[in-house]
């Protein structure tokens, strides 16, 4: 049986284009086996076939944005992405298609009138997320649109006393529950039956979900408002302003 070609760590790093420190990290995480042979305390040789595996790890990180734990599962199984990860990446691409053209830096947002306190609160809440740090940290267009919408409401007269930014935590909580329900429906209904149509159906599903939420919300708002008013009776202000009938 022919012995496999062996490489020193320096050669493994050079041929794969990945630093030795990163390769060692992959080994600690269980993505790569250790040395095939050790000839001294600081001299070890590795299977040359690891060059291809290292390239596969970097490709899955770069193209699919997978964490190392998932990459290990993928490489140790069939080498193909699990269906749920194909769906997740497809949905992510759909949502990000126009998410770079209107991005803004933190400095640009503050200069445009975004309140720094509100921006920091939304960051802590997870409603917006910056790439980078400092004044040049960049916010994607969805983040910019959220801030623009809030600013438009302020300019139209709904000030911070009427709608403090802190109430958005209720939105995030409620929408998180809705999103979880949507994902569960997709996972249990579409994912097992999609087959090779998974990527396309993922895009259809996200568009359908967004449209359904908008339409159902429009129908439910007046019904809910009427029900709440009916449960509580006429508002106190309305009762005070109702003229008394003369006897």
C-alpha atoms as a PDB file:
ATOM      1  CA  UNK A   1       0.000   0.000   0.000  1.00  0.00           C
ATOM      2  CA  UNK A   2       1.436   3.353  -1.054  1.00  0.00           C
ATOM      3  CA  UNK A   3       2.219   5.757   1.752  1.00  0.00           C
ATOM      4  CA  UNK A   4       0.348   9.091   1.507  1.00  0.00           C
ATOM      5  CA  UNK A   5       2.368  12.190   0.670  1.00  0.00           C
ATOM      6  CA  UNK A   6       3.247  14.091   3.814  1.00  0.00           C
ATOM      7  CA  UNK A   7       3.756  17.826   4.266  1.00  0.00           C
ATOM      8  CA  UNK A   8       5.150  19.996   7.019  1.00  0.00           C
ATOM      9  CA  UNK A   9       2.811  22.612   8.483  1.00  0.00           C
ATOM     10  CA  UNK A  10       4.588  25.391   6.598  1.00  0.00           C
ATOM     11  CA  UNK A  11       4.059  23.560   3.294  1.00  0.00           C
ATOM     12  CA  UNK A  12       0.432  22.806   4.169  1.00  0.00           C
ATOM     13  CA  UNK A  13      -0.162  26.520   4.820  1.00  0.00           C
ATOM     14  CA  UNK A  14       1.621  27.561   1.614  1.00  0.00           C
ATOM     15  CA  UNK A  15      -0.229  25.131  -0.662  1.00  0.00           C
ATOM     16  CA  UNK A  16      -3.658  25.814   0.863  1.00  0.00           C
ATOM     17  CA  UNK A  17      -3.180  29.561   1.157  1.00  0.00           C
ATOM     18  CA  UNK A  18      -4.402  29.425   4.758  1.00  0.00           C
ATOM     19  CA  UNK A  19      -2.190  30.537   7.690  1.00  0.00           C
ATOM     20  CA  UNK A  20      -0.784  27.835   9.939  1.00  0.00           C
ATOM     21  CA  UNK A  21      -2.563  29.359  12.959  1.00  0.00           C
ATOM     22  CA  UNK A  22      -5.915  28.953  11.186  1.00  0.00           C
ATOM     23  CA  UNK A  23      -5.149  25.368  10.202  1.00  0.00           C
ATOM     24  CA  UNK A  24      -4.285  24.566  13.821  1.00  0.00           C
ATOM     25  CA  UNK A  25      -7.579  26.137  14.877  1.00  0.00           C
ATOM     26  CA  UNK A  26      -9.420  23.858  12.438  1.00  0.00           C
ATOM     27  CA  UNK A  27      -7.650  20.909  14.021  1.00  0.00           C
ATOM     28  CA  UNK A  28      -8.661  21.974  17.525  1.00  0.00           C
ATOM     29  CA  UNK A  29     -12.275  22.280  16.304  1.00  0.00           C
ATOM     30  CA  UNK A  30     -12.182  18.753  14.904  1.00  0.00           C
ATOM     31  CA  UNK A  31     -12.371  19.699  11.211  1.00  0.00           C
ATOM     32  CA  UNK A  32      -8.910  18.328  10.422  1.00  0.00           C
ATOM     33  CA  UNK A  33      -6.990  15.364  11.782  1.00  0.00           C
ATOM     34  CA  UNK A  34      -3.696  15.817  13.553  1.00  0.00           C
ATOM     35  CA  UNK A  35      -0.258  14.962  12.150  1.00  0.00           C
ATOM     36  CA  UNK A  36       0.369  11.604  10.518  1.00  0.00           C
ATOM     37  CA  UNK A  37       3.905  11.502  11.841  1.00  0.00           C
ATOM     38  CA  UNK A  38       5.980  13.276  14.460  1.00  0.00           C
ATOM     39  CA  UNK A  39       9.755  13.112  14.231  1.00  0.00           C
ATOM     40  CA  UNK A  40      10.567  15.589  16.962  1.00  0.00           C
ATOM     41  CA  UNK A  41       8.876  17.764  19.561  1.00  0.00           C
ATOM     42  CA  UNK A  42       8.405  20.602  17.070  1.00  0.00           C
ATOM     43  CA  UNK A  43       8.480  18.643  13.818  1.00  0.00           C
ATOM     44  CA  UNK A  44       5.312  17.041  12.450  1.00  0.00           C
ATOM     45  CA  UNK A  45       4.077  15.904   9.027  1.00  0.00           C
ATOM     46  CA  UNK A  46       0.514  16.023   7.741  1.00  0.00           C
ATOM     47  CA  UNK A  47      -1.398  14.229   5.008  1.00  0.00           C
ATOM     48  CA  UNK A  48      -1.154  16.256   1.777  1.00  0.00           C
ATOM     49  CA  UNK A  49      -4.832  15.479   1.102  1.00  0.00           C
ATOM     50  CA  UNK A  50      -5.664  18.031   3.800  1.00  0.00           C
ATOM     51  CA  UNK A  51      -4.990  20.794   1.260  1.00  0.00           C
ATOM     52  CA  UNK A  52      -8.270  19.974  -0.501  1.00  0.00           C
ATOM     53  CA  UNK A  53     -10.206  19.723   2.768  1.00  0.00           C
ATOM     54  CA  UNK A  54      -8.864  23.090   3.931  1.00  0.00           C
ATOM     55  CA  UNK A  55      -9.957  24.618   0.606  1.00  0.00           C
ATOM     56  CA  UNK A  56     -13.442  23.125   1.113  1.00  0.00           C
ATOM     57  CA  UNK A  57     -13.656  24.603   4.617  1.00  0.00           C
ATOM     58  CA  UNK A  58     -12.715  28.075   3.371  1.00  0.00           C
ATOM     59  CA  UNK A  59     -15.174  27.801   0.469  1.00  0.00           C
ATOM     60  CA  UNK A  60     -18.072  26.892   2.799  1.00  0.00           C
ATOM     61  CA  UNK A  61     -17.143  29.758   5.090  1.00  0.00           C
ATOM     62  CA  UNK A  62     -16.834  32.279   2.264  1.00  0.00           C
ATOM     63  CA  UNK A  63     -19.762  31.257   0.044  1.00  0.00           C
ATOM     64  CA  UNK A  64     -22.245  29.774   2.521  1.00  0.00           C
ATOM     65  CA  UNK A  65     -21.272  31.635   5.725  1.00  0.00           C
ATOM     66  CA  UNK A  66     -21.475  28.395   7.661  1.00  0.00           C
ATOM     67  CA  UNK A  67     -20.143  28.050  11.222  1.00  0.00           C
ATOM     68  CA  UNK A  68     -17.361  25.545  11.754  1.00  0.00           C
ATOM     69  CA  UNK A  69     -19.610  23.078  13.570  1.00  0.00           C
ATOM     70  CA  UNK A  70     -21.910  22.798  10.552  1.00  0.00           C
ATOM     71  CA  UNK A  71     -18.958  22.599   8.164  1.00  0.00           C
ATOM     72  CA  UNK A  72     -17.591  19.655  10.130  1.00  0.00           C
ATOM     73  CA  UNK A  73     -20.944  17.866   9.790  1.00  0.00           C
ATOM     74  CA  UNK A  74     -21.111  18.605   6.068  1.00  0.00           C
ATOM     75  CA  UNK A  75     -17.589  17.366   5.333  1.00  0.00           C
ATOM     76  CA  UNK A  76     -17.947  14.264   7.460  1.00  0.00           C
ATOM     77  CA  UNK A  77     -21.234  13.290   5.776  1.00  0.00           C
ATOM     78  CA  UNK A  78     -21.963  13.499   2.075  1.00  0.00           C
ATOM     79  CA  UNK A  79     -20.145  16.739   1.406  1.00  0.00           C
ATOM     80  CA  UNK A  80     -23.470  18.379   0.534  1.00  0.00           C
ATOM     81  CA  UNK A  81     -25.234  21.080   2.519  1.00  0.00           C
ATOM     82  CA  UNK A  82     -28.199  19.948   4.606  1.00  0.00           C
ATOM     83  CA  UNK A  83     -31.500  21.128   3.016  1.00  0.00           C
ATOM     84  CA  UNK A  84     -32.244  23.527   5.870  1.00  0.00           C
ATOM     85  CA  UNK A  85     -28.956  25.329   5.243  1.00  0.00           C
ATOM     86  CA  UNK A  86     -29.646  25.566   1.502  1.00  0.00           C
ATOM     87  CA  UNK A  87     -32.998  27.138   2.350  1.00  0.00           C
ATOM     88  CA  UNK A  88     -31.487  29.508   4.904  1.00  0.00           C
ATOM     89  CA  UNK A  89     -28.812  30.740   2.509  1.00  0.00           C
ATOM     90  CA  UNK A  90     -31.383  31.191  -0.274  1.00  0.00           C
ATOM     91  CA  UNK A  91     -33.634  33.244   1.990  1.00  0.00           C
ATOM     92  CA  UNK A  92     -30.649  35.277   3.138  1.00  0.00           C
ATOM     93  CA  UNK A  93     -29.693  36.061  -0.463  1.00  0.00           C
ATOM     94  CA  UNK A  94     -33.278  37.017  -1.305  1.00  0.00           C
ATOM     95  CA  UNK A  95     -33.478  39.440   1.591  1.00  0.00           C
ATOM     96  CA  UNK A  96     -30.047  40.906   0.815  1.00  0.00           C
ATOM     97  CA  UNK A  97     -30.491  41.431  -2.933  1.00  0.00           C
ATOM     98  CA  UNK A  98     -31.003  45.193  -2.608  1.00  0.00           C
ATOM     99  CA  UNK A  99     -29.490  45.599   0.807  1.00  0.00           C
ATOM    100  CA  UNK A 100     -26.176  47.192  -0.185  1.00  0.00           C
ATOM    101  CA  UNK A 101     -27.089  49.985  -2.581  1.00  0.00           C
ATOM    102  CA  UNK A 102     -28.568  52.340   0.040  1.00  0.00           C
ATOM    103  CA  UNK A 103     -26.342  51.493   2.980  1.00  0.00           C
ATOM    104  CA  UNK A 104     -25.060  54.324   5.187  1.00  0.00           C
ATOM    105  CA  UNK A 105     -22.252  54.822   7.667  1.00  0.00           C
ATOM    106  CA  UNK A 106     -22.883  55.739  11.295  1.00  0.00           C
ATOM    107  CA  UNK A 107     -21.469  59.212  10.634  1.00  0.00           C
ATOM    108  CA  UNK A 108     -23.870  59.711   7.717  1.00  0.00           C
ATOM    109  CA  UNK A 109     -26.879  58.642   9.782  1.00  0.00           C
ATOM    110  CA  UNK A 110     -26.007  60.962  12.681  1.00  0.00           C
ATOM    111  CA  UNK A 111     -25.417  63.835  10.253  1.00  0.00           C
ATOM    112  CA  UNK A 112     -28.862  63.175   8.727  1.00  0.00           C
ATOM    113  CA  UNK A 113     -30.496  63.677  12.133  1.00  0.00           C
ATOM    114  CA  UNK A 114     -30.718  60.174  13.600  1.00  0.00           C
ATOM    115  CA  UNK A 115     -30.592  60.502  17.382  1.00  0.00           C
ATOM    116  CA  UNK A 116     -27.499  58.763  18.742  1.00  0.00           C
ATOM    117  CA  UNK A 117     -29.381  57.487  21.811  1.00  0.00           C
ATOM    118  CA  UNK A 118     -32.054  55.904  19.620  1.00  0.00           C
ATOM    119  CA  UNK A 119     -29.466  54.360  17.303  1.00  0.00           C
ATOM    120  CA  UNK A 120     -27.632  52.826  20.261  1.00  0.00           C
ATOM    121  CA  UNK A 121     -30.879  51.457  21.710  1.00  0.00           C
ATOM    122  CA  UNK A 122     -31.850  49.866  18.391  1.00  0.00           C
ATOM    123  CA  UNK A 123     -28.390  48.288  18.161  1.00  0.00           C
ATOM    124  CA  UNK A 124     -28.727  46.804  21.654  1.00  0.00           C
ATOM    125  CA  UNK A 125     -32.196  45.549  20.743  1.00  0.00           C
ATOM    126  CA  UNK A 126     -30.845  43.891  17.588  1.00  0.00           C
ATOM    127  CA  UNK A 127     -33.237  45.850  15.358  1.00  0.00           C
ATOM    128  CA  UNK A 128     -30.286  47.317  13.435  1.00  0.00           C
ATOM    129  CA  UNK A 129     -26.769  45.958  13.100  1.00  0.00           C
ATOM    130  CA  UNK A 130     -23.622  47.646  11.881  1.00  0.00           C
ATOM    131  CA  UNK A 131     -20.703  46.109  10.013  1.00  0.00           C
ATOM    132  CA  UNK A 132     -17.528  47.547  11.477  1.00  0.00           C
ATOM    133  CA  UNK A 133     -16.968  50.002  14.317  1.00  0.00           C
ATOM    134  CA  UNK A 134     -16.747  53.725  14.898  1.00  0.00           C
ATOM    135  CA  UNK A 135     -18.083  56.454  12.633  1.00  0.00           C
ATOM    136  CA  UNK A 136     -17.434  54.350   9.519  1.00  0.00           C
ATOM    137  CA  UNK A 137     -19.518  51.396  10.750  1.00  0.00           C
ATOM    138  CA  UNK A 138     -21.950  50.668   7.925  1.00  0.00           C
ATOM    139  CA  UNK A 139     -25.656  49.896   8.193  1.00  0.00           C
ATOM    140  CA  UNK A 140     -27.485  47.928   5.478  1.00  0.00           C
ATOM    141  CA  UNK A 141     -30.339  49.522   3.568  1.00  0.00           C
ATOM    142  CA  UNK A 142     -33.015  47.714   5.622  1.00  0.00           C
ATOM    143  CA  UNK A 143     -31.531  49.311   8.748  1.00  0.00           C
ATOM    144  CA  UNK A 144     -31.438  52.694   7.030  1.00  0.00           C
ATOM    145  CA  UNK A 145     -35.080  52.328   5.945  1.00  0.00           C
ATOM    146  CA  UNK A 146     -36.153  51.459   9.502  1.00  0.00           C
ATOM    147  CA  UNK A 147     -34.423  54.581  10.818  1.00  0.00           C
ATOM    148  CA  UNK A 148     -35.857  56.692   7.996  1.00  0.00           C
ATOM    149  CA  UNK A 149     -39.366  55.431   8.782  1.00  0.00           C
ATOM    150  CA  UNK A 150     -38.972  56.318  12.449  1.00  0.00           C
ATOM    151  CA  UNK A 151     -37.617  59.741  11.509  1.00  0.00           C
ATOM    152  CA  UNK A 152     -40.539  60.388   9.130  1.00  0.00           C
ATOM    153  CA  UNK A 153     -42.990  59.623  11.949  1.00  0.00           C
ATOM    154  CA  UNK A 154     -41.170  62.099  14.182  1.00  0.00           C
ATOM    155  CA  UNK A 155     -41.348  64.827  11.544  1.00  0.00           C
ATOM    156  CA  UNK A 156     -45.035  64.122  10.976  1.00  0.00           C
ATOM    157  CA  UNK A 157     -45.796  64.833  14.639  1.00  0.00           C
ATOM    158  CA  UNK A 158     -45.494  61.451  16.380  1.00  0.00           C
ATOM    159  CA  UNK A 159     -42.764  62.561  18.745  1.00  0.00           C
ATOM    160  CA  UNK A 160     -40.800  60.593  21.325  1.00  0.00           C
ATOM    161  CA  UNK A 161     -43.415  61.217  24.037  1.00  0.00           C
ATOM    162  CA  UNK A 162     -46.048  59.492  21.896  1.00  0.00           C
ATOM    163  CA  UNK A 163     -43.819  56.747  20.525  1.00  0.00           C
ATOM    164  CA  UNK A 164     -40.602  56.350  22.510  1.00  0.00           C
ATOM    165  CA  UNK A 165     -38.052  54.201  20.737  1.00  0.00           C
ATOM    166  CA  UNK A 166     -38.207  51.751  23.649  1.00  0.00           C
ATOM    167  CA  UNK A 167     -41.646  50.516  22.531  1.00  0.00           C
ATOM    168  CA  UNK A 168     -39.946  48.885  19.552  1.00  0.00           C
ATOM    169  CA  UNK A 169     -38.869  46.138  21.928  1.00  0.00           C
ATOM    170  CA  UNK A 170     -42.525  44.990  21.858  1.00  0.00           C
ATOM    171  CA  UNK A 171     -42.400  44.914  18.066  1.00  0.00           C
ATOM    172  CA  UNK A 172     -39.246  42.827  18.097  1.00  0.00           C
ATOM    173  CA  UNK A 173     -40.703  40.418  20.642  1.00  0.00           C
ATOM    174  CA  UNK A 174     -43.966  39.978  18.724  1.00  0.00           C
ATOM    175  CA  UNK A 175     -42.340  39.711  15.300  1.00  0.00           C
ATOM    176  CA  UNK A 176     -39.773  37.226  16.618  1.00  0.00           C
ATOM    177  CA  UNK A 177     -42.643  34.943  17.623  1.00  0.00           C
ATOM    178  CA  UNK A 178     -44.225  35.392  14.179  1.00  0.00           C
ATOM    179  CA  UNK A 179     -40.955  34.643  12.387  1.00  0.00           C
ATOM    180  CA  UNK A 180     -40.459  31.517  14.465  1.00  0.00           C
ATOM    181  CA  UNK A 181     -43.938  30.334  13.465  1.00  0.00           C
ATOM    182  CA  UNK A 182     -43.164  31.029   9.788  1.00  0.00           C
ATOM    183  CA  UNK A 183     -39.885  29.132   9.947  1.00  0.00           C
ATOM    184  CA  UNK A 184     -41.546  26.171  11.663  1.00  0.00           C
ATOM    185  CA  UNK A 185     -44.246  26.067   8.968  1.00  0.00           C
ATOM    186  CA  UNK A 186     -41.588  26.162   6.246  1.00  0.00           C
ATOM    187  CA  UNK A 187     -39.462  23.522   7.964  1.00  0.00           C
ATOM    188  CA  UNK A 188     -42.355  21.129   8.511  1.00  0.00           C
ATOM    189  CA  UNK A 189     -44.339  21.792   5.333  1.00  0.00           C
ATOM    190  CA  UNK A 190     -42.067  22.877   2.475  1.00  0.00           C
ATOM    191  CA  UNK A 191     -38.637  21.535   3.376  1.00  0.00           C
ATOM    192  CA  UNK A 192     -39.485  17.796   3.386  1.00  0.00           C
ATOM    193  CA  UNK A 193     -41.323  18.037   0.037  1.00  0.00           C
ATOM    194  CA  UNK A 194     -39.274  20.565  -1.958  1.00  0.00           C
ATOM    195  CA  UNK A 195     -36.639  18.232  -3.403  1.00  0.00           C
ATOM    196  CA  UNK A 196     -34.487  19.944  -6.021  1.00  0.00           C
ATOM    197  CA  UNK A 197     -36.876  22.935  -6.037  1.00  0.00           C
ATOM    198  CA  UNK A 198     -35.759  23.972  -2.557  1.00  0.00           C
ATOM    199  CA  UNK A 199     -33.835  27.113  -3.493  1.00  0.00           C
ATOM    200  CA  UNK A 200     -36.594  28.519  -5.690  1.00  0.00           C
ATOM    201  CA  UNK A 201     -39.339  27.648  -3.218  1.00  0.00           C
ATOM    202  CA  UNK A 202     -37.371  29.347  -0.428  1.00  0.00           C
ATOM    203  CA  UNK A 203     -37.509  32.616  -2.353  1.00  0.00           C
ATOM    204  CA  UNK A 204     -41.232  32.175  -3.046  1.00  0.00           C
ATOM    205  CA  UNK A 205     -41.903  31.421   0.625  1.00  0.00           C
ATOM    206  CA  UNK A 206     -40.196  34.547   1.948  1.00  0.00           C
ATOM    207  CA  UNK A 207     -42.070  36.751  -0.533  1.00  0.00           C
ATOM    208  CA  UNK A 208     -45.365  35.052   0.331  1.00  0.00           C
ATOM    209  CA  UNK A 209     -44.777  35.482   4.074  1.00  0.00           C
ATOM    210  CA  UNK A 210     -44.030  39.193   3.774  1.00  0.00           C
ATOM    211  CA  UNK A 211     -47.126  39.820   1.640  1.00  0.00           C
ATOM    212  CA  UNK A 212     -49.409  37.804   3.915  1.00  0.00           C
ATOM    213  CA  UNK A 213     -48.222  39.705   6.987  1.00  0.00           C
ATOM    214  CA  UNK A 214     -48.945  43.069   5.356  1.00  0.00           C
ATOM    215  CA  UNK A 215     -52.418  42.048   4.153  1.00  0.00           C
ATOM    216  CA  UNK A 216     -53.492  40.282   7.337  1.00  0.00           C
ATOM    217  CA  UNK A 217     -52.267  43.177   9.466  1.00  0.00           C
ATOM    218  CA  UNK A 218     -54.372  45.633   7.466  1.00  0.00           C
ATOM    219  CA  UNK A 219     -57.466  43.516   8.035  1.00  0.00           C
ATOM    220  CA  UNK A 220     -56.820  42.848  11.705  1.00  0.00           C
ATOM    221  CA  UNK A 221     -56.000  46.382  12.871  1.00  0.00           C
ATOM    222  CA  UNK A 222     -59.563  47.818  12.597  1.00  0.00           C
ATOM    223  CA  UNK A 223     -61.124  44.641  14.010  1.00  0.00           C
ATOM    224  CA  UNK A 224     -58.728  44.602  16.951  1.00  0.00           C
ATOM    225  CA  UNK A 225     -59.217  48.295  17.638  1.00  0.00           C
ATOM    226  CA  UNK A 226     -63.015  47.921  17.607  1.00  0.00           C
ATOM    227  CA  UNK A 227     -62.799  44.927  19.925  1.00  0.00           C
ATOM    228  CA  UNK A 228     -60.536  46.732  22.386  1.00  0.00           C
ATOM    229  CA  UNK A 229     -62.794  49.785  22.464  1.00  0.00           C
ATOM    230  CA  UNK A 230     -65.852  47.566  22.833  1.00  0.00           C
ATOM    231  CA  UNK A 231     -64.303  45.637  25.718  1.00  0.00           C
ATOM    232  CA  UNK A 232     -63.381  48.790  27.585  1.00  0.00           C
ATOM    233  CA  UNK A 233     -66.518  50.750  26.746  1.00  0.00           C
ATOM    234  CA  UNK A 234     -66.363  54.273  25.345  1.00  0.00           C
ATOM    235  CA  UNK A 235     -63.094  56.065  26.097  1.00  0.00           C
ATOM    236  CA  UNK A 236     -63.176  58.294  29.174  1.00  0.00           C
ATOM    237  CA  UNK A 237     -62.519  61.406  27.097  1.00  0.00           C
ATOM    238  CA  UNK A 238     -65.503  60.615  24.892  1.00  0.00           C
ATOM    239  CA  UNK A 239     -67.718  60.155  27.950  1.00  0.00           C
ATOM    240  CA  UNK A 240     -66.653  63.498  29.377  1.00  0.00           C
ATOM    241  CA  UNK A 241     -67.386  65.307  26.120  1.00  0.00           C
ATOM    242  CA  UNK A 242     -70.836  63.759  25.578  1.00  0.00           C
ATOM    243  CA  UNK A 243     -73.396  66.449  26.408  1.00  0.00           C
ATOM    244  CA  UNK A 244     -75.972  65.515  29.015  1.00  0.00           C
ATOM    245  CA  UNK A 245     -79.542  65.328  27.822  1.00  0.00           C
ATOM    246  CA  UNK A 246     -81.974  67.693  29.465  1.00  0.00           C
ATOM    247  CA  UNK A 247     -84.657  66.042  31.454  1.00  0.00           C
END
